[in-house]
Amino acid sequence: MPGQLHDRPLFFSSSVHTNGAEVVVTVSGELDAASGPALTALMAEAASFGRRRVVVDVSAVTFLDAAGLRALRGEPDGWAQGVAVVLRAPSRPVTRLLELTDSCGLLEISSSASDCQQRSA
């Protein structure tokens, strides 16, 4: 059935557009093992636009687990090689996982209110 993976509906949505020298990916909902493959494909597509920077707006992400984080970081497919990945306005669930996994310094964070950004500064 379209929109499902492992007999479970995907509870995430996304859009991609270019903005000058960067590609902006907007994701919302749950980024987890069920949505990870679709998110990885989306991020690889964004990286293929030939821009050096992919900005991911994660302000509407309601859940993030390790599989979703791996997809955002380009693991294990390596789509992020040579591309700067920037998380824009991380929601509390995103910030929380970044803190728990000590990943605050691994991705650039674009948000003045981010706890993660303040800790890695």
PDB file of N, CA and C in Angstrom:
ATOM      1  N   MET A   1       0.834  -1.172   0.000  1.00  0.00           N
ATOM      2  CA  MET A   1       0.000   0.000   0.000  1.00  0.00           C
ATOM      3  C   MET A   1       0.886   1.244   0.000  1.00  0.00           C
ATOM      4  N   PRO A   2       0.609   2.221  -0.869  1.00  0.00           N
ATOM      5  CA  PRO A   2       1.427   3.427  -0.915  1.00  0.00           C
ATOM      6  C   PRO A   2       1.423   4.153   0.425  1.00  0.00           C
ATOM      7  N   GLY A   3       2.574   4.758   0.765  1.00  0.00           N
ATOM      8  CA  GLY A   3       2.668   5.506   2.001  1.00  0.00           C
ATOM      9  C   GLY A   3       2.842   4.649   3.239  1.00  0.00           C
ATOM     10  N   GLN A   4       3.074   3.350   3.049  1.00  0.00           N
ATOM     11  CA  GLN A   4       3.271   2.485   4.205  1.00  0.00           C
ATOM     12  C   GLN A   4       4.571   1.719   4.072  1.00  0.00           C
ATOM     13  N   LEU A   5       5.140   1.423   5.193  1.00  0.00           N
ATOM     14  CA  LEU A   5       6.362   0.645   5.268  1.00  0.00           C
ATOM     15  C   LEU A   5       6.196  -0.287   6.454  1.00  0.00           C
ATOM     16  N   HIS A   6       6.457  -1.552   6.254  1.00  0.00           N
ATOM     17  CA  HIS A   6       6.325  -2.531   7.332  1.00  0.00           C
ATOM     18  C   HIS A   6       4.904  -2.552   7.898  1.00  0.00           C
ATOM     19  N   ASP A   7       3.900  -2.444   7.034  1.00  0.00           N
ATOM     20  CA  ASP A   7       2.491  -2.482   7.432  1.00  0.00           C
ATOM     21  C   ASP A   7       2.107  -1.403   8.429  1.00  0.00           C
ATOM     22  N   ARG A   8       2.821  -0.312   8.433  1.00  0.00           N
ATOM     23  CA  ARG A   8       2.521   0.796   9.328  1.00  0.00           C
ATOM     24  C   ARG A   8       2.513   2.079   8.507  1.00  0.00           C
ATOM     25  N   PRO A   9       1.503   2.921   8.649  1.00  0.00           N
ATOM     26  CA  PRO A   9       1.488   4.163   7.873  1.00  0.00           C
ATOM     27  C   PRO A   9       2.661   5.056   8.261  1.00  0.00           C
ATOM     28  N   LEU A  10       3.172   5.780   7.285  1.00  0.00           N
ATOM     29  CA  LEU A  10       4.240   6.731   7.556  1.00  0.00           C
ATOM     30  C   LEU A  10       3.624   8.013   8.096  1.00  0.00           C
ATOM     31  N   PHE A  11       4.090   8.448   9.233  1.00  0.00           N
ATOM     32  CA  PHE A  11       3.573   9.657   9.851  1.00  0.00           C
ATOM     33  C   PHE A  11       4.590  10.777   9.728  1.00  0.00           C
ATOM     34  N   PHE A  12       5.049  10.991   8.486  1.00  0.00           N
ATOM     35  CA  PHE A  12       5.912  12.136   8.260  1.00  0.00           C
ATOM     36  C   PHE A  12       5.636  12.673   6.870  1.00  0.00           C
ATOM     37  N   SER A  13       5.857  13.965   6.720  1.00  0.00           N
ATOM     38  CA  SER A  13       5.682  14.583   5.412  1.00  0.00           C
ATOM     39  C   SER A  13       6.901  15.451   5.149  1.00  0.00           C
ATOM     40  N   SER A  14       7.076  15.795   3.881  1.00  0.00           N
ATOM     41  CA  SER A  14       8.276  16.532   3.522  1.00  0.00           C
ATOM     42  C   SER A  14       8.065  17.349   2.261  1.00  0.00           C
ATOM     43  N   SER A  15       8.945  18.312   2.079  1.00  0.00           N
ATOM     44  CA  SER A  15       9.013  19.073   0.836  1.00  0.00           C
ATOM     45  C   SER A  15      10.461  19.480   0.622  1.00  0.00           C
ATOM     46  N   VAL A  16      10.813  19.703  -0.627  1.00  0.00           N
ATOM     47  CA  VAL A  16      12.179  20.097  -0.986  1.00  0.00           C
ATOM     48  C   VAL A  16      12.094  21.240  -1.976  1.00  0.00           C
ATOM     49  N   HIS A  17      12.909  22.274  -1.765  1.00  0.00           N
ATOM     50  CA  HIS A  17      13.028  23.341  -2.755  1.00  0.00           C
ATOM     51  C   HIS A  17      14.413  23.966  -2.662  1.00  0.00           C
ATOM     52  N   THR A  18      14.822  24.603  -3.742  1.00  0.00           N
ATOM     53  CA  THR A  18      16.120  25.268  -3.741  1.00  0.00           C
ATOM     54  C   THR A  18      15.913  26.730  -3.376  1.00  0.00           C
ATOM     55  N   ASN A  19      16.941  27.276  -2.733  1.00  0.00           N
ATOM     56  CA  ASN A  19      16.920  28.668  -2.305  1.00  0.00           C
ATOM     57  C   ASN A  19      18.332  29.205  -2.486  1.00  0.00           C
ATOM     58  N   GLY A  20      18.625  29.691  -3.669  1.00  0.00           N
ATOM     59  CA  GLY A  20      19.967  30.184  -3.948  1.00  0.00           C
ATOM     60  C   GLY A  20      20.982  29.060  -3.921  1.00  0.00           C
ATOM     61  N   ALA A  21      21.968  29.184  -3.026  1.00  0.00           N
ATOM     62  CA  ALA A  21      23.060  28.210  -2.960  1.00  0.00           C
ATOM     63  C   ALA A  21      22.751  27.016  -2.072  1.00  0.00           C
ATOM     64  N   GLU A  22      21.518  26.924  -1.572  1.00  0.00           N
ATOM     65  CA  GLU A  22      21.203  25.824  -0.683  1.00  0.00           C
ATOM     66  C   GLU A  22      19.910  25.140  -1.092  1.00  0.00           C
ATOM     67  N   VAL A  23      19.764  23.922  -0.612  1.00  0.00           N
ATOM     68  CA  VAL A  23      18.523  23.171  -0.776  1.00  0.00           C
ATOM     69  C   VAL A  23      17.858  23.156   0.589  1.00  0.00           C
ATOM     70  N   VAL A  24      16.568  23.449   0.622  1.00  0.00           N
ATOM     71  CA  VAL A  24      15.830  23.456   1.877  1.00  0.00           C
ATOM     72  C   VAL A  24      14.874  22.269   1.883  1.00  0.00           C
ATOM     73  N   VAL A  25      15.029  21.433   2.888  1.00  0.00           N
ATOM     74  CA  VAL A  25      14.160  20.278   3.088  1.00  0.00           C
ATOM     75  C   VAL A  25      13.337  20.565   4.337  1.00  0.00           C
ATOM     76  N   THR A  26      12.031  20.470   4.217  1.00  0.00           N
ATOM     77  CA  THR A  26      11.157  20.657   5.367  1.00  0.00           C
ATOM     78  C   THR A  26      10.524  19.315   5.695  1.00  0.00           C
ATOM     79  N   VAL A  27      10.697  18.864   6.918  1.00  0.00           N
ATOM     80  CA  VAL A  27      10.105  17.590   7.339  1.00  0.00           C
ATOM     81  C   VAL A  27       9.249  17.826   8.571  1.00  0.00           C
ATOM     82  N   SER A  28       8.210  17.015   8.683  1.00  0.00           N
ATOM     83  CA  SER A  28       7.359  17.101   9.862  1.00  0.00           C
ATOM     84  C   SER A  28       6.876  15.714  10.224  1.00  0.00           C
ATOM     85  N   GLY A  29       6.492  15.553  11.482  1.00  0.00           N
ATOM     86  CA  GLY A  29       5.998  14.266  11.947  1.00  0.00           C
ATOM     87  C   GLY A  29       7.084  13.438  12.591  1.00  0.00           C
ATOM     88  N   GLU A  30       6.980  12.122  12.408  1.00  0.00           N
ATOM     89  CA  GLU A  30       7.866  11.163  13.069  1.00  0.00           C
ATOM     90  C   GLU A  30       8.995  10.720  12.149  1.00  0.00           C
ATOM     91  N   LEU A  31      10.228  10.899  12.609  1.00  0.00           N
ATOM     92  CA  LEU A  31      11.409  10.438  11.875  1.00  0.00           C
ATOM     93  C   LEU A  31      11.989   9.271  12.664  1.00  0.00           C
ATOM     94  N   ASP A  32      11.674   8.070  12.194  1.00  0.00           N
ATOM     95  CA  ASP A  32      12.037   6.868  12.934  1.00  0.00           C
ATOM     96  C   ASP A  32      12.411   5.752  11.971  1.00  0.00           C
ATOM     97  N   ALA A  33      12.488   4.531  12.479  1.00  0.00           N
ATOM     98  CA  ALA A  33      12.875   3.389  11.642  1.00  0.00           C
ATOM     99  C   ALA A  33      11.912   3.185  10.482  1.00  0.00           C
ATOM    100  N   ALA A  34      10.637   3.484  10.679  1.00  0.00           N
ATOM    101  CA  ALA A  34       9.659   3.310   9.607  1.00  0.00           C
ATOM    102  C   ALA A  34       9.843   4.347   8.502  1.00  0.00           C
ATOM    103  N   SER A  35      10.146   5.578   8.859  1.00  0.00           N
ATOM    104  CA  SER A  35      10.303   6.632   7.859  1.00  0.00           C
ATOM    105  C   SER A  35      11.750   6.822   7.422  1.00  0.00           C
ATOM    106  N   GLY A  36      12.691   6.167   8.108  1.00  0.00           N
ATOM    107  CA  GLY A  36      14.114   6.326   7.806  1.00  0.00           C
ATOM    108  C   GLY A  36      14.492   6.113   6.353  1.00  0.00           C
ATOM    109  N   PRO A  37      14.061   5.007   5.711  1.00  0.00           N
ATOM    110  CA  PRO A  37      14.430   4.808   4.302  1.00  0.00           C
ATOM    111  C   PRO A  37      13.892   5.913   3.383  1.00  0.00           C
ATOM    112  N   ALA A  38      12.675   6.359   3.618  1.00  0.00           N
ATOM    113  CA  ALA A  38      12.114   7.435   2.799  1.00  0.00           C
ATOM    114  C   ALA A  38      12.863   8.742   3.058  1.00  0.00           C
ATOM    115  N   LEU A  39      13.213   9.003   4.314  1.00  0.00           N
ATOM    116  CA  LEU A  39      13.968  10.204   4.650  1.00  0.00           C
ATOM    117  C   LEU A  39      15.363  10.153   4.038  1.00  0.00           C
ATOM    118  N   THR A  40      16.004   8.996   4.081  1.00  0.00           N
ATOM    119  CA  THR A  40      17.326   8.847   3.472  1.00  0.00           C
ATOM    120  C   THR A  40      17.254   9.136   1.974  1.00  0.00           C
ATOM    121  N   ALA A  41      16.250   8.593   1.299  1.00  0.00           N
ATOM    122  CA  ALA A  41      16.085   8.838  -0.139  1.00  0.00           C
ATOM    123  C   ALA A  41      15.835  10.316  -0.416  1.00  0.00           C
ATOM    124  N   LEU A  42      15.025  10.953   0.415  1.00  0.00           N
ATOM    125  CA  LEU A  42      14.735  12.376   0.267  1.00  0.00           C
ATOM    126  C   LEU A  42      16.008  13.203   0.439  1.00  0.00           C
ATOM    127  N   MET A  43      16.787  12.890   1.455  1.00  0.00           N
ATOM    128  CA  MET A  43      18.012  13.641   1.709  1.00  0.00           C
ATOM    129  C   MET A  43      19.044  13.421   0.598  1.00  0.00           C
ATOM    130  N   ALA A  44      19.129  12.196   0.089  1.00  0.00           N
ATOM    131  CA  ALA A  44      20.036  11.918  -1.027  1.00  0.00           C
ATOM    132  C   ALA A  44      19.615  12.711  -2.259  1.00  0.00           C
ATOM    133  N   GLU A  45      18.311  12.792  -2.489  1.00  0.00           N
ATOM    134  CA  GLU A  45      17.804  13.594  -3.609  1.00  0.00           C
ATOM    135  C   GLU A  45      18.173  15.060  -3.424  1.00  0.00           C
ATOM    136  N   ALA A  46      18.009  15.578  -2.222  1.00  0.00           N
ATOM    137  CA  ALA A  46      18.345  16.975  -1.942  1.00  0.00           C
ATOM    138  C   ALA A  46      19.832  17.224  -2.181  1.00  0.00           C
ATOM    139  N   ALA A  47      20.672  16.300  -1.762  1.00  0.00           N
ATOM    140  CA  ALA A  47      22.118  16.446  -1.945  1.00  0.00           C
ATOM    141  C   ALA A  47      22.500  16.383  -3.422  1.00  0.00           C
ATOM    142  N   SER A  48      21.706  15.706  -4.232  1.00  0.00           N
ATOM    143  CA  SER A  48      22.026  15.554  -5.654  1.00  0.00           C
ATOM    144  C   SER A  48      21.759  16.820  -6.460  1.00  0.00           C
ATOM    145  N   PHE A  49      21.182  17.847  -5.859  1.00  0.00           N
ATOM    146  CA  PHE A  49      20.918  19.093  -6.569  1.00  0.00           C
ATOM    147  C   PHE A  49      22.208  19.864  -6.856  1.00  0.00           C
ATOM    148  N   GLY A  50      23.316  19.414  -6.293  1.00  0.00           N
ATOM    149  CA  GLY A  50      24.603  20.044  -6.559  1.00  0.00           C
ATOM    150  C   GLY A  50      24.916  21.243  -5.680  1.00  0.00           C
ATOM    151  N   ARG A  51      24.118  21.479  -4.673  1.00  0.00           N
ATOM    152  CA  ARG A  51      24.389  22.570  -3.733  1.00  0.00           C
ATOM    153  C   ARG A  51      25.284  22.028  -2.621  1.00  0.00           C
ATOM    154  N   ARG A  52      26.065  22.905  -2.021  1.00  0.00           N
ATOM    155  CA  ARG A  52      26.996  22.494  -0.966  1.00  0.00           C
ATOM    156  C   ARG A  52      26.339  22.480   0.409  1.00  0.00           C
ATOM    157  N   ARG A  53      25.098  22.950   0.486  1.00  0.00           N
ATOM    158  CA  ARG A  53      24.447  23.099   1.801  1.00  0.00           C
ATOM    159  C   ARG A  53      23.007  22.606   1.691  1.00  0.00           C
ATOM    160  N   VAL A  54      22.638  21.712   2.616  1.00  0.00           N
ATOM    161  CA  VAL A  54      21.260  21.238   2.725  1.00  0.00           C
ATOM    162  C   VAL A  54      20.744  21.673   4.095  1.00  0.00           C
ATOM    163  N   VAL A  55      19.740  22.535   4.084  1.00  0.00           N
ATOM    164  CA  VAL A  55      19.123  23.028   5.308  1.00  0.00           C
ATOM    165  C   VAL A  55      17.871  22.201   5.546  1.00  0.00           C
ATOM    166  N   VAL A  56      17.778  21.606   6.721  1.00  0.00           N
ATOM    167  CA  VAL A  56      16.636  20.760   7.052  1.00  0.00           C
ATOM    168  C   VAL A  56      15.837  21.437   8.153  1.00  0.00           C
ATOM    169  N   ASP A  57      14.637  21.873   7.795  1.00  0.00           N
ATOM    170  CA  ASP A  57      13.749  22.490   8.777  1.00  0.00           C
ATOM    171  C   ASP A  57      13.070  21.368   9.552  1.00  0.00           C
ATOM    172  N   VAL A  58      13.440  21.220  10.812  1.00  0.00           N
ATOM    173  CA  VAL A  58      12.904  20.150  11.662  1.00  0.00           C
ATOM    174  C   VAL A  58      12.035  20.712  12.789  1.00  0.00           C
ATOM    175  N   SER A  59      11.495  21.897  12.568  1.00  0.00           N
ATOM    176  CA  SER A  59      10.693  22.547  13.608  1.00  0.00           C
ATOM    177  C   SER A  59       9.382  21.822  13.889  1.00  0.00           C
ATOM    178  N   ALA A  60       8.875  21.063  12.911  1.00  0.00           N
ATOM    179  CA  ALA A  60       7.600  20.361  13.087  1.00  0.00           C
ATOM    180  C   ALA A  60       7.782  18.858  13.294  1.00  0.00           C
ATOM    181  N   VAL A  61       8.992  18.430  13.626  1.00  0.00           N
ATOM    182  CA  VAL A  61       9.240  17.011  13.909  1.00  0.00           C
ATOM    183  C   VAL A  61       8.731  16.719  15.312  1.00  0.00           C
ATOM    184  N   THR A  62       7.871  15.712  15.415  1.00  0.00           N
ATOM    185  CA  THR A  62       7.259  15.371  16.702  1.00  0.00           C
ATOM    186  C   THR A  62       7.952  14.211  17.400  1.00  0.00           C
ATOM    187  N   PHE A  63       8.768  13.452  16.645  1.00  0.00           N
ATOM    188  CA  PHE A  63       9.490  12.313  17.218  1.00  0.00           C
ATOM    189  C   PHE A  63      10.718  12.063  16.364  1.00  0.00           C
ATOM    190  N   LEU A  64      11.839  11.786  17.005  1.00  0.00           N
ATOM    191  CA  LEU A  64      13.074  11.451  16.313  1.00  0.00           C
ATOM    192  C   LEU A  64      13.761  10.349  17.089  1.00  0.00           C
ATOM    193  N   ASP A  65      14.106   9.252  16.381  1.00  0.00           N
ATOM    194  CA  ASP A  65      14.887   8.201  17.027  1.00  0.00           C
ATOM    195  C   ASP A  65      16.225   8.082  16.312  1.00  0.00           C
ATOM    196  N   ALA A  66      17.024   7.101  16.714  1.00  0.00           N
ATOM    197  CA  ALA A  66      18.370   6.946  16.159  1.00  0.00           C
ATOM    198  C   ALA A  66      18.344   6.713  14.651  1.00  0.00           C
ATOM    199  N   ALA A  67      17.357   5.996  14.141  1.00  0.00           N
ATOM    200  CA  ALA A  67      17.265   5.750  12.695  1.00  0.00           C
ATOM    201  C   ALA A  67      17.022   7.056  11.942  1.00  0.00           C
ATOM    202  N   GLY A  68      16.165   7.899  12.485  1.00  0.00           N
ATOM    203  CA  GLY A  68      15.924   9.198  11.866  1.00  0.00           C
ATOM    204  C   GLY A  68      17.158  10.080  11.911  1.00  0.00           C
ATOM    205  N   LEU A  69      17.879  10.048  13.019  1.00  0.00           N
ATOM    206  CA  LEU A  69      19.109  10.822  13.145  1.00  0.00           C
ATOM    207  C   LEU A  69      20.156  10.341  12.151  1.00  0.00           C
ATOM    208  N   ARG A  70      20.290   9.018  12.001  1.00  0.00           N
ATOM    209  CA  ARG A  70      21.237   8.476  11.015  1.00  0.00           C
ATOM    210  C   ARG A  70      20.895   8.964   9.618  1.00  0.00           C
ATOM    211  N   ALA A  71      19.616   8.990   9.272  1.00  0.00           N
ATOM    212  CA  ALA A  71      19.201   9.465   7.944  1.00  0.00           C
ATOM    213  C   ALA A  71      19.563  10.940   7.759  1.00  0.00           C
ATOM    214  N   LEU A  72      19.363  11.749   8.784  1.00  0.00           N
ATOM    215  CA  LEU A  72      19.707  13.165   8.702  1.00  0.00           C
ATOM    216  C   LEU A  72      21.211  13.371   8.559  1.00  0.00           C
ATOM    217  N   ARG A  73      21.993  12.484   9.142  1.00  0.00           N
ATOM    218  CA  ARG A  73      23.458  12.592   9.096  1.00  0.00           C
ATOM    219  C   ARG A  73      24.065  11.926   7.872  1.00  0.00           C
ATOM    220  N   GLY A  74      23.249  11.245   7.077  1.00  0.00           N
ATOM    221  CA  GLY A  74      23.776  10.615   5.870  1.00  0.00           C
ATOM    222  C   GLY A  74      24.371   9.251   6.098  1.00  0.00           C
ATOM    223  N   GLU A  75      23.989   8.599   7.166  1.00  0.00           N
ATOM    224  CA  GLU A  75      24.506   7.255   7.460  1.00  0.00           C
ATOM    225  C   GLU A  75      23.427   6.225   7.139  1.00  0.00           C
ATOM    226  N   PRO A  76      23.743   5.093   6.662  1.00  0.00           N
ATOM    227  CA  PRO A  76      25.067   4.638   6.249  1.00  0.00           C
ATOM    228  C   PRO A  76      25.338   4.893   4.776  1.00  0.00           C
ATOM    229  N   ASP A  77      24.417   5.534   4.061  1.00  0.00           N
ATOM    230  CA  ASP A  77      24.523   5.677   2.614  1.00  0.00           C
ATOM    231  C   ASP A  77      25.576   6.673   2.158  1.00  0.00           C
ATOM    232  N   GLY A  78      26.008   7.557   3.021  1.00  0.00           N
ATOM    233  CA  GLY A  78      27.067   8.500   2.674  1.00  0.00           C
ATOM    234  C   GLY A  78      26.605   9.635   1.774  1.00  0.00           C
ATOM    235  N   TRP A  79      25.301   9.890   1.694  1.00  0.00           N
ATOM    236  CA  TRP A  79      24.823  10.947   0.808  1.00  0.00           C
ATOM    237  C   TRP A  79      25.354  12.314   1.221  1.00  0.00           C
ATOM    238  N   ALA A  80      25.739  12.494   2.475  1.00  0.00           N
ATOM    239  CA  ALA A  80      26.123  13.809   2.983  1.00  0.00           C
ATOM    240  C   ALA A  80      27.587  14.162   2.723  1.00  0.00           C
ATOM    241  N   GLN A  81      28.342  13.298   2.076  1.00  0.00           N
ATOM    242  CA  GLN A  81      29.756  13.603   1.825  1.00  0.00           C
ATOM    243  C   GLN A  81      29.866  14.862   0.973  1.00  0.00           C
ATOM    244  N   GLY A  82      30.620  15.834   1.454  1.00  0.00           N
ATOM    245  CA  GLY A  82      30.820  17.079   0.731  1.00  0.00           C
ATOM    246  C   GLY A  82      29.662  18.050   0.827  1.00  0.00           C
ATOM    247  N   VAL A  83      28.656  17.733   1.629  1.00  0.00           N
ATOM    248  CA  VAL A  83      27.486  18.595   1.783  1.00  0.00           C
ATOM    249  C   VAL A  83      27.369  18.988   3.251  1.00  0.00           C
ATOM    250  N   ALA A  84      27.216  20.275   3.504  1.00  0.00           N
ATOM    251  CA  ALA A  84      26.982  20.740   4.864  1.00  0.00           C
ATOM    252  C   ALA A  84      25.499  20.564   5.182  1.00  0.00           C
ATOM    253  N   VAL A  85      25.205  19.853   6.261  1.00  0.00           N
ATOM    254  CA  VAL A  85      23.828  19.645   6.690  1.00  0.00           C
ATOM    255  C   VAL A  85      23.565  20.571   7.877  1.00  0.00           C
ATOM    256  N   VAL A  86      22.518  21.375   7.746  1.00  0.00           N
ATOM    257  CA  VAL A  86      22.167  22.334   8.785  1.00  0.00           C
ATOM    258  C   VAL A  86      20.750  22.021   9.253  1.00  0.00           C
ATOM    259  N   LEU A  87      20.573  21.835  10.547  1.00  0.00           N
ATOM    260  CA  LEU A  87      19.241  21.643  11.104  1.00  0.00           C
ATOM    261  C   LEU A  87      18.691  23.004  11.502  1.00  0.00           C
ATOM    262  N   ARG A  88      17.546  23.361  10.907  1.00  0.00           N
ATOM    263  CA  ARG A  88      16.928  24.653  11.201  1.00  0.00           C
ATOM    264  C   ARG A  88      15.806  24.477  12.221  1.00  0.00           C
ATOM    265  N   ALA A  89      15.852  25.294  13.254  1.00  0.00           N
ATOM    266  CA  ALA A  89      14.787  25.377  14.267  1.00  0.00           C
ATOM    267  C   ALA A  89      14.387  24.008  14.810  1.00  0.00           C
ATOM    268  N   PRO A  90      15.331  23.266  15.377  1.00  0.00           N
ATOM    269  CA  PRO A  90      14.973  21.935  15.878  1.00  0.00           C
ATOM    270  C   PRO A  90      13.897  21.984  16.959  1.00  0.00           C
ATOM    271  N   SER A  91      12.910  21.112  16.804  1.00  0.00           N
ATOM    272  CA  SER A  91      11.864  20.976  17.817  1.00  0.00           C
ATOM    273  C   SER A  91      12.467  20.365  19.071  1.00  0.00           C
ATOM    274  N   ARG A  92      11.718  20.358  20.139  1.00  0.00           N
ATOM    275  CA  ARG A  92      12.207  19.790  21.402  1.00  0.00           C
ATOM    276  C   ARG A  92      12.575  18.314  21.257  1.00  0.00           C
ATOM    277  N   PRO A  93      11.774  17.472  20.559  1.00  0.00           N
ATOM    278  CA  PRO A  93      12.192  16.078  20.415  1.00  0.00           C
ATOM    279  C   PRO A  93      13.523  15.925  19.665  1.00  0.00           C
ATOM    280  N   VAL A  94      13.768  16.784  18.690  1.00  0.00           N
ATOM    281  CA  VAL A  94      15.038  16.719  17.949  1.00  0.00           C
ATOM    282  C   VAL A  94      16.185  17.137  18.857  1.00  0.00           C
ATOM    283  N   THR A  95      16.013  18.258  19.539  1.00  0.00           N
ATOM    284  CA  THR A  95      17.060  18.744  20.448  1.00  0.00           C
ATOM    285  C   THR A  95      17.367  17.710  21.527  1.00  0.00           C
ATOM    286  N   ARG A  96      16.329  17.096  22.047  1.00  0.00           N
ATOM    287  CA  ARG A  96      16.506  16.102  23.118  1.00  0.00           C
ATOM    288  C   ARG A  96      17.371  14.925  22.651  1.00  0.00           C
ATOM    289  N   LEU A  97      17.088  14.401  21.459  1.00  0.00           N
ATOM    290  CA  LEU A  97      17.881  13.270  20.978  1.00  0.00           C
ATOM    291  C   LEU A  97      19.315  13.698  20.673  1.00  0.00           C
ATOM    292  N   LEU A  98      19.495  14.886  20.124  1.00  0.00           N
ATOM    293  CA  LEU A  98      20.852  15.374  19.870  1.00  0.00           C
ATOM    294  C   LEU A  98      21.639  15.462  21.175  1.00  0.00           C
ATOM    295  N   GLU A  99      20.980  15.929  22.228  1.00  0.00           N
ATOM    296  CA  GLU A  99      21.636  16.013  23.533  1.00  0.00           C
ATOM    297  C   GLU A  99      21.951  14.628  24.091  1.00  0.00           C
ATOM    298  N   LEU A 100      20.978  13.718  24.024  1.00  0.00           N
ATOM    299  CA  LEU A 100      21.156  12.367  24.581  1.00  0.00           C
ATOM    300  C   LEU A 100      22.264  11.587  23.881  1.00  0.00           C
ATOM    301  N   THR A 101      22.426  11.831  22.588  1.00  0.00           N
ATOM    302  CA  THR A 101      23.426  11.088  21.809  1.00  0.00           C
ATOM    303  C   THR A 101      24.730  11.861  21.655  1.00  0.00           C
ATOM    304  N   ASP A 102      24.828  13.001  22.330  1.00  0.00           N
ATOM    305  CA  ASP A 102      26.021  13.843  22.250  1.00  0.00           C
ATOM    306  C   ASP A 102      26.343  14.196  20.805  1.00  0.00           C
ATOM    307  N   SER A 103      25.293  14.515  20.034  1.00  0.00           N
ATOM    308  CA  SER A 103      25.438  14.817  18.612  1.00  0.00           C
ATOM    309  C   SER A 103      25.346  16.302  18.300  1.00  0.00           C
ATOM    310  N   CYS A 104      25.296  17.140  19.307  1.00  0.00           N
ATOM    311  CA  CYS A 104      25.122  18.576  19.071  1.00  0.00           C
ATOM    312  C   CYS A 104      26.216  19.159  18.173  1.00  0.00           C
ATOM    313  N   GLY A 105      27.418  18.701  18.306  1.00  0.00           N
ATOM    314  CA  GLY A 105      28.513  19.232  17.505  1.00  0.00           C
ATOM    315  C   GLY A 105      28.689  18.561  16.156  1.00  0.00           C
ATOM    316  N   LEU A 106      27.909  17.528  15.876  1.00  0.00           N
ATOM    317  CA  LEU A 106      28.076  16.793  14.624  1.00  0.00           C
ATOM    318  C   LEU A 106      27.307  17.402  13.462  1.00  0.00           C
ATOM    319  N   LEU A 107      26.265  18.163  13.764  1.00  0.00           N
ATOM    320  CA  LEU A 107      25.474  18.839  12.741  1.00  0.00           C
ATOM    321  C   LEU A 107      25.385  20.308  13.109  1.00  0.00           C
ATOM    322  N   GLU A 108      25.420  21.166  12.098  1.00  0.00           N
ATOM    323  CA  GLU A 108      25.235  22.592  12.363  1.00  0.00           C
ATOM    324  C   GLU A 108      23.772  22.829  12.727  1.00  0.00           C
ATOM    325  N   ILE A 109      23.552  23.678  13.721  1.00  0.00           N
ATOM    326  CA  ILE A 109      22.202  23.970  14.178  1.00  0.00           C
ATOM    327  C   ILE A 109      21.942  25.459  13.963  1.00  0.00           C
ATOM    328  N   SER A 110      20.855  25.765  13.289  1.00  0.00           N
ATOM    329  CA  SER A 110      20.495  27.144  12.998  1.00  0.00           C
ATOM    330  C   SER A 110      19.238  27.511  13.767  1.00  0.00           C
ATOM    331  N   SER A 111      19.433  27.986  14.991  1.00  0.00           N
ATOM    332  CA  SER A 111      18.301  28.411  15.817  1.00  0.00           C
ATOM    333  C   SER A 111      18.845  29.090  17.054  1.00  0.00           C
ATOM    334  N   SER A 112      18.432  30.317  17.278  1.00  0.00           N
ATOM    335  CA  SER A 112      18.952  31.041  18.439  1.00  0.00           C
ATOM    336  C   SER A 112      18.432  30.476  19.747  1.00  0.00           C
ATOM    337  N   ALA A 113      17.314  29.740  19.686  1.00  0.00           N
ATOM    338  CA  ALA A 113      16.715  29.227  20.914  1.00  0.00           C
ATOM    339  C   ALA A 113      17.131  27.800  21.237  1.00  0.00           C
ATOM    340  N   SER A 114      17.984  27.202  20.438  1.00  0.00           N
ATOM    341  CA  SER A 114      18.329  25.799  20.618  1.00  0.00           C
ATOM    342  C   SER A 114      19.243  25.577  21.816  1.00  0.00           C
ATOM    343  N   ASP A 115      18.813  24.727  22.734  1.00  0.00           N
ATOM    344  CA  ASP A 115      19.656  24.338  23.862  1.00  0.00           C
ATOM    345  C   ASP A 115      20.937  23.697  23.356  1.00  0.00           C
ATOM    346  N   CYS A 116      20.801  22.900  22.318  1.00  0.00           N
ATOM    347  CA  CYS A 116      21.944  22.182  21.766  1.00  0.00           C
ATOM    348  C   CYS A 116      23.008  23.161  21.288  1.00  0.00           C
ATOM    349  N   GLN A 117      22.583  24.207  20.585  1.00  0.00           N
ATOM    350  CA  GLN A 117      23.520  25.194  20.068  1.00  0.00           C
ATOM    351  C   GLN A 117      24.238  25.911  21.203  1.00  0.00           C
ATOM    352  N   GLN A 118      23.512  26.239  22.255  1.00  0.00           N
ATOM    353  CA  GLN A 118      24.107  26.937  23.383  1.00  0.00           C
ATOM    354  C   GLN A 118      25.137  26.066  24.082  1.00  0.00           C
ATOM    355  N   ARG A 119      24.889  24.768  24.158  1.00  0.00           N
ATOM    356  CA  ARG A 119      25.820  23.854  24.837  1.00  0.00           C
ATOM    357  C   ARG A 119      27.074  23.601  24.027  1.00  0.00           C
ATOM    358  N   SER A 120      26.951  23.622  22.670  1.00  0.00           N
ATOM    359  CA  SER A 120      28.114  23.306  21.846  1.00  0.00           C
ATOM    360  C   SER A 120      28.934  24.549  21.543  1.00  0.00           C
ATOM    361  N   ALA A 121      28.454  25.729  21.945  1.00  0.00           N
ATOM    362  CA  ALA A 121      29.170  26.992  21.670  1.00  0.00           C
ATOM    363  C   ALA A 121      30.368  27.151  22.578  1.00  0.00           C
TER     364      ALA A 121
END
